[in-house]
Amino acid sequence: MDLRQLSAVVMVAETGSVTRAATLLHLVQPAVTRQIRGLEAELGVTLFERSRTGMHPTEAGTIVVERARRALSELERARAEIRPVAGRIRGIVTVGILDSLSAEIAEPLVRTVTSEHPDIRLRLLTGYSGHVKEWLDAGTVDVALLYGLTAAAAPHVRPLIEEALWAVAPPGAWPDQRPNVPFGELAAHPLVMPAAPHGLRTVIDEAAARAGIELTPAVETNTMQVQKLLVASGVGWSILPRIGVLNDIVRGHLSGAPLCDPAVHRSVVLARAASSRVPPAVEVVTHEIERLIRMLQLEAQSDPEPPSAASAGGTAV
């Protein structure tokens, strides 16, 4: 097994085509085919199913592709780290970000890191908390923003914020300003909910169980943007973190107010992957994420509340 074989396997899996993989690898097609067949012969398994729609990894192929991708990534990171330039930090850092925080974090993180540390290359992966936790456990990401993880569940966990969840409704859902929305009121409306095993769905379901309230979703989706679009179009109400909906409420695209009776919160933590050595580039990006979260907290505390929740509280730290 060599690097050429691993590169060929990963590229064919990503493109679904030996021809396209050969073009991207700057090889002729027969060379890529030989790499794949050689690895299949060495492992004694078929790595790809060949069909009219392209090359698709088999179950064994999926395992090999995943491991090969990680091995190539680690080698690429090693190359970046062992070519130091005086006074400059080099490296590749992969960050896992909750879908609900990506709009607030991604752009300023990239802008600051690329400006102040141009030799650090960022990879941003966004997803539900469950997906991000899987990436962290597998070593796919170096640092991650997650819901309510504890130090017992993962190494290097640092609490960042505890944030109120809001009831979110179509624009103009209530004519008067509302300081909050009782949790039980949600049961009277069709609900657009995050699909399990989303971490936010777990928080909501646990709060409903404690309050003895049954919530039946009309629609479940796996992205916050779709949740907001469906709510804005009048499909139903939803429950989302304040940070993810505040701008939409201020602009009049949604109505929203904090939940009460009971109030519901989510805890966001910053976690690093298990490693005996933390590269300087990962340290830099970790500190920058913490700085951005602190800035978001300060902005949330100083910004006026949206018209639909003028007297309501914001993020609690």
Protein backbone atom coordinates (compact mmCIF):
# COMPACT_ATOMS: atom_id res chain seq x y z
CA MET A 1 0.00 0.00 0.00
CA ASP A 2 1.51 3.34 -1.00
CA LEU A 3 0.49 6.97 -1.20
CA ARG A 4 -0.31 6.79 -4.91
CA GLN A 5 -2.82 4.03 -4.27
CA LEU A 6 -4.40 5.94 -1.39
CA SER A 7 -4.65 9.11 -3.45
CA ALA A 8 -6.24 7.20 -6.32
CA VAL A 9 -8.81 5.54 -4.05
CA VAL A 10 -9.82 8.83 -2.45
CA MET A 11 -10.03 10.74 -5.72
CA VAL A 12 -12.10 8.05 -7.47
CA ALA A 13 -14.49 7.96 -4.49
CA GLU A 14 -14.85 11.75 -4.53
CA THR A 15 -15.34 12.08 -8.30
CA GLY A 16 -17.11 8.79 -9.01
CA SER A 17 -15.00 8.43 -12.12
CA VAL A 18 -11.58 7.03 -12.99
CA THR A 19 -11.33 9.49 -15.89
CA ARG A 20 -12.00 12.56 -13.73
CA ALA A 21 -9.74 11.23 -10.99
CA ALA A 22 -6.91 10.76 -13.49
CA THR A 23 -7.31 14.33 -14.73
CA LEU A 24 -7.17 15.77 -11.21
CA LEU A 25 -4.20 13.58 -10.27
CA HIS A 26 -2.39 14.50 -13.52
CA LEU A 27 -2.16 10.83 -14.52
CA VAL A 28 -3.39 8.75 -17.42
CA GLN A 29 -6.51 6.69 -16.82
CA PRO A 30 -4.79 3.26 -16.97
CA ALA A 31 -2.40 4.35 -14.20
CA VAL A 32 -5.28 5.14 -11.85
CA THR A 33 -6.96 1.85 -12.73
CA ARG A 34 -3.72 -0.03 -11.92
CA GLN A 35 -3.50 1.71 -8.54
CA ILE A 36 -7.04 0.67 -7.65
CA ARG A 37 -6.62 -2.90 -8.85
CA GLY A 38 -3.28 -3.25 -7.09
CA LEU A 39 -4.80 -2.17 -3.78
CA GLU A 40 -7.78 -4.48 -4.29
CA ALA A 41 -5.41 -7.39 -4.94
CA GLU A 42 -3.35 -6.56 -1.85
CA LEU A 43 -6.40 -6.32 0.42
CA GLY A 44 -8.30 -9.16 -1.20
CA VAL A 45 -11.52 -7.16 -1.51
CA THR A 46 -13.40 -5.18 -4.13
CA LEU A 47 -13.23 -1.47 -3.35
CA PHE A 48 -15.60 -0.12 -5.98
CA GLU A 49 -18.76 -1.17 -7.74
CA ARG A 50 -18.66 -0.15 -11.38
CA SER A 51 -21.96 0.90 -12.94
CA ARG A 52 -23.37 3.19 -15.61
CA THR A 53 -23.67 5.96 -13.04
CA GLY A 54 -20.01 5.77 -12.03
CA MET A 55 -17.71 4.22 -9.44
CA HIS A 56 -19.26 3.69 -6.02
CA PRO A 57 -17.31 2.46 -2.96
CA THR A 58 -18.31 -0.92 -1.59
CA GLU A 59 -18.66 -1.38 2.15
CA ALA A 60 -14.99 -2.30 2.33
CA GLY A 61 -14.15 0.55 -0.03
CA THR A 62 -15.90 3.06 2.21
CA ILE A 63 -13.72 1.99 5.13
CA VAL A 64 -10.54 2.22 3.06
CA VAL A 65 -11.51 5.63 1.64
CA GLU A 66 -12.20 7.02 5.11
CA ARG A 67 -8.88 5.82 6.49
CA ALA A 68 -6.96 6.81 3.37
CA ARG A 69 -8.42 10.32 3.45
CA ARG A 70 -7.35 10.71 7.07
CA ALA A 71 -3.84 9.37 6.39
CA LEU A 72 -3.35 11.74 3.46
CA SER A 73 -4.66 14.63 5.53
CA GLU A 74 -2.23 13.88 8.36
CA LEU A 75 0.69 13.71 5.95
CA GLU A 76 -0.35 17.02 4.41
CA ARG A 77 -0.49 18.57 7.88
CA ALA A 78 2.95 17.18 8.72
CA ARG A 79 4.42 18.72 5.58
CA ALA A 80 2.94 22.09 6.51
CA GLU A 81 4.23 21.95 10.08
CA ILE A 82 7.83 20.85 9.35
CA ARG A 83 8.56 23.69 6.95
CA PRO A 84 8.71 26.54 9.46
CA VAL A 85 9.19 30.17 8.56
CA ALA A 86 10.68 32.37 11.26
CA GLY A 87 7.95 34.05 13.30
CA ARG A 88 5.11 32.40 11.37
CA ILE A 89 2.84 29.53 12.35
CA ARG A 90 2.03 26.96 9.69
CA GLY A 91 -0.43 24.11 9.53
CA ILE A 92 -3.85 22.83 8.57
CA VAL A 93 -6.66 23.08 11.11
CA THR A 94 -10.07 21.45 10.68
CA VAL A 95 -12.89 23.03 12.68
CA GLY A 96 -16.29 21.49 13.37
CA ILE A 97 -19.01 24.12 13.80
CA LEU A 98 -22.63 23.74 14.83
CA ASP A 99 -24.99 24.60 12.00
CA SER A 100 -26.68 27.21 14.20
CA LEU A 101 -23.38 29.02 14.81
CA SER A 102 -21.85 28.79 11.35
CA ALA A 103 -23.34 32.04 10.03
CA GLU A 104 -21.88 33.97 12.97
CA ILE A 105 -18.52 32.22 13.28
CA ALA A 106 -17.31 31.10 9.85
CA GLU A 107 -16.70 34.42 8.09
CA PRO A 108 -14.95 36.31 10.94
CA LEU A 109 -12.86 33.23 11.81
CA VAL A 110 -11.63 32.81 8.25
CA ARG A 111 -11.05 36.55 7.81
CA THR A 112 -8.97 36.89 11.00
CA VAL A 113 -6.93 33.71 10.63
CA THR A 114 -6.08 34.29 6.97
CA SER A 115 -5.15 37.90 7.71
CA GLU A 116 -3.05 37.36 10.84
CA HIS A 117 -1.75 33.85 10.11
CA PRO A 118 -1.64 33.41 6.32
CA ASP A 119 0.26 30.11 6.62
CA ILE A 120 -2.61 28.44 8.48
CA ARG A 121 -5.07 26.71 6.20
CA LEU A 122 -8.58 26.29 7.59
CA ARG A 123 -11.07 23.53 6.86
CA LEU A 124 -14.58 24.21 8.16
CA LEU A 125 -17.14 21.43 8.57
CA THR A 126 -20.65 22.30 9.71
CA GLY A 127 -23.32 19.98 11.00
CA TYR A 128 -25.53 18.90 13.84
CA SER A 129 -23.98 18.39 17.25
CA GLY A 130 -24.13 14.60 16.85
CA HIS A 131 -22.27 14.75 13.55
CA VAL A 132 -19.65 17.15 14.91
CA LYS A 133 -19.11 14.87 17.93
CA GLU A 134 -18.55 11.91 15.58
CA TRP A 135 -15.98 13.96 13.64
CA LEU A 136 -14.24 14.87 16.90
CA ASP A 137 -14.15 11.25 18.10
CA ALA A 138 -12.82 10.07 14.74
CA GLY A 139 -10.14 12.75 14.64
CA THR A 140 -11.64 14.29 11.51
CA VAL A 141 -11.74 17.71 13.21
CA ASP A 142 -9.11 19.22 15.50
CA VAL A 143 -11.43 21.51 17.42
CA ALA A 144 -15.21 21.71 17.59
CA LEU A 145 -18.13 23.74 18.89
CA LEU A 146 -20.71 21.37 20.41
CA TYR A 147 -23.75 21.23 22.67
CA GLY A 148 -23.33 20.33 26.31
CA LEU A 149 -20.36 17.98 26.14
CA THR A 150 -18.57 17.29 29.42
CA ALA A 151 -14.93 16.63 30.21
CA ALA A 152 -15.88 13.03 30.92
CA ALA A 153 -17.20 12.61 27.38
CA ALA A 154 -14.26 14.17 25.53
CA PRO A 155 -10.84 15.59 26.39
CA HIS A 156 -10.05 19.28 26.47
CA VAL A 157 -13.63 20.51 26.87
CA ARG A 158 -14.19 24.16 27.77
CA PRO A 159 -17.67 25.63 28.47
CA LEU A 160 -18.32 28.77 26.43
CA ILE A 161 -21.92 29.94 26.64
CA GLU A 162 -25.29 28.99 27.99
CA GLU A 163 -27.89 30.35 25.63
CA ALA A 164 -31.67 30.69 25.85
CA LEU A 165 -33.84 28.91 23.30
CA TRP A 166 -36.63 30.91 21.69
CA ALA A 167 -40.05 30.14 20.32
CA VAL A 168 -39.95 31.17 16.67
CA ALA A 169 -43.09 31.90 14.64
CA PRO A 170 -44.01 33.37 11.24
CA PRO A 171 -43.70 37.14 10.85
CA GLY A 172 -46.58 38.98 12.48
CA ALA A 173 -47.63 35.92 14.48
CA TRP A 174 -48.51 38.17 17.40
CA PRO A 175 -49.45 41.84 17.07
CA ASP A 176 -48.15 42.96 20.45
CA GLN A 177 -44.69 42.76 21.95
CA ARG A 178 -44.16 39.55 23.87
CA PRO A 179 -41.56 39.21 26.61
CA ASN A 180 -41.70 35.42 26.37
CA VAL A 181 -43.73 32.43 25.17
CA PRO A 182 -44.89 29.68 27.56
CA PHE A 183 -43.47 26.32 26.54
CA GLY A 184 -46.94 24.76 26.60
CA GLU A 185 -48.17 27.18 23.93
CA LEU A 186 -46.03 25.38 21.37
CA ALA A 187 -48.26 22.31 21.60
CA ALA A 188 -51.11 24.31 20.03
CA HIS A 189 -49.20 24.89 16.78
CA PRO A 190 -47.73 22.75 14.00
CA LEU A 191 -44.02 22.45 14.73
CA VAL A 192 -40.98 22.50 12.45
CA MET A 193 -38.39 20.59 14.43
CA PRO A 194 -34.77 19.53 14.02
CA ALA A 195 -34.58 15.84 13.20
CA ALA A 196 -33.11 13.41 15.72
CA PRO A 197 -30.32 12.89 16.67
CA HIS A 198 -29.75 16.65 16.48
CA GLY A 199 -28.42 17.85 19.86
CA LEU A 200 -30.97 20.67 19.90
CA ARG A 201 -33.79 18.14 19.42
CA THR A 202 -32.52 16.23 22.45
CA VAL A 203 -32.55 19.42 24.55
CA ILE A 204 -36.12 20.21 23.42
CA ASP A 205 -37.42 16.68 23.99
CA GLU A 206 -35.90 16.52 27.47
CA ALA A 207 -37.43 19.89 28.40
CA ALA A 208 -40.84 18.77 27.11
CA ALA A 209 -40.64 15.52 29.10
CA ARG A 210 -39.76 17.38 32.31
CA ALA A 211 -42.67 19.78 31.77
CA GLY A 212 -45.10 16.98 30.91
CA ILE A 213 -45.80 18.55 27.51
CA GLU A 214 -46.17 16.49 24.33
CA LEU A 215 -44.77 18.09 21.21
CA THR A 216 -45.64 16.49 17.87
CA PRO A 217 -43.61 17.82 14.93
CA ALA A 218 -45.41 18.40 11.65
CA VAL A 219 -42.10 18.57 9.79
CA GLU A 220 -38.55 17.53 10.69
CA THR A 221 -35.48 18.79 8.88
CA ASN A 222 -31.73 18.55 9.22
CA THR A 223 -30.76 22.20 8.68
CA MET A 224 -31.59 25.35 10.58
CA GLN A 225 -31.92 27.34 7.36
CA VAL A 226 -34.73 25.07 6.18
CA GLN A 227 -36.38 25.34 9.60
CA LYS A 228 -36.38 29.12 9.35
CA LEU A 229 -37.64 29.11 5.76
CA LEU A 230 -40.55 26.83 6.65
CA VAL A 231 -41.49 28.90 9.69
CA ALA A 232 -41.28 32.15 7.70
CA SER A 233 -43.61 30.67 5.07
CA GLY A 234 -46.21 29.83 7.71
CA VAL A 235 -45.78 26.05 7.91
CA GLY A 236 -45.52 26.19 11.70
CA TRP A 237 -43.57 27.33 14.74
CA SER A 238 -40.15 26.17 15.88
CA ILE A 239 -37.64 26.32 18.74
CA LEU A 240 -34.21 27.72 17.93
CA PRO A 241 -31.27 29.34 19.73
CA ARG A 242 -31.39 33.11 20.01
CA ILE A 243 -28.11 33.58 18.17
CA GLY A 244 -29.50 31.79 15.13
CA VAL A 245 -32.67 33.87 14.74
CA LEU A 246 -32.04 37.32 16.22
CA ASN A 247 -31.14 38.98 12.91
CA ASP A 248 -34.17 37.43 11.19
CA ILE A 249 -36.46 38.73 13.92
CA VAL A 250 -34.95 42.22 13.85
CA ARG A 251 -35.50 42.34 10.06
CA GLY A 252 -39.09 41.20 10.43
CA HIS A 253 -38.57 37.87 8.68
CA LEU A 254 -39.64 35.94 11.81
CA SER A 255 -41.32 36.50 15.15
CA GLY A 256 -39.62 35.23 18.29
CA ALA A 257 -39.37 35.43 22.06
CA PRO A 258 -37.64 33.42 24.81
CA LEU A 259 -39.39 30.33 26.12
CA CYS A 260 -40.67 30.30 29.68
CA ASP A 261 -42.47 27.91 32.04
CA PRO A 262 -39.93 26.39 31.70
CA ALA A 263 -37.14 28.43 30.16
CA VAL A 264 -34.88 26.22 28.05
CA HIS A 265 -31.17 26.67 27.47
CA ARG A 266 -28.42 24.99 25.52
CA SER A 267 -24.79 24.87 26.63
CA VAL A 268 -22.14 25.35 23.96
CA VAL A 269 -18.63 24.06 24.60
CA LEU A 270 -15.33 24.13 22.77
CA ALA A 271 -13.64 20.73 22.53
CA ARG A 272 -10.33 19.55 21.10
CA ALA A 273 -9.59 16.11 19.74
CA ALA A 274 -7.61 13.69 21.90
CA SER A 275 -3.91 14.18 21.21
CA SER A 276 -0.70 14.12 23.17
CA ARG A 277 0.48 17.12 21.17
CA VAL A 278 -1.50 20.20 20.19
CA PRO A 279 0.06 21.88 17.13
CA PRO A 280 0.58 25.65 17.41
CA ALA A 281 -1.83 26.24 14.52
CA VAL A 282 -4.61 24.45 16.44
CA GLU A 283 -3.86 26.58 19.52
CA VAL A 284 -4.11 29.76 17.45
CA VAL A 285 -7.45 28.80 15.93
CA THR A 286 -8.82 27.64 19.31
CA HIS A 287 -8.01 30.98 20.91
CA GLU A 288 -9.56 32.85 17.98
CA ILE A 289 -12.81 30.88 18.27
CA GLU A 290 -12.97 31.69 21.99
CA ARG A 291 -12.40 35.38 21.23
CA LEU A 292 -15.18 35.40 18.65
CA ILE A 293 -17.62 33.72 21.03
CA ARG A 294 -16.82 36.31 23.72
CA MET A 295 -17.48 39.08 21.19
CA LEU A 296 -20.82 37.51 20.27
CA GLN A 297 -21.74 37.39 23.95
CA LEU A 298 -20.89 41.06 24.43
CA GLU A 299 -22.84 42.04 21.33
CA ALA A 300 -25.84 40.03 22.48
CA GLN A 301 -25.77 41.75 25.86
CA SER A 302 -25.42 45.24 24.38
CA ASP A 303 -27.76 44.93 21.38
CA PRO A 304 -31.36 46.03 21.82
CA GLU A 305 -33.92 43.26 21.79
CA PRO A 306 -36.01 42.79 18.64
CA PRO A 307 -39.47 44.38 18.62
CA SER A 308 -41.22 41.09 19.39
CA ALA A 309 -39.21 40.58 22.57
CA ALA A 310 -38.35 44.06 23.74
CA SER A 311 -38.41 43.24 27.41
CA ALA A 312 -36.96 39.73 27.19
CA GLY A 313 -33.58 38.54 28.36
CA GLY A 314 -30.80 37.45 26.05
CA THR A 315 -27.81 35.21 26.29
CA ALA A 316 -26.86 34.12 29.77
CA VAL A 317 -23.22 33.41 30.42
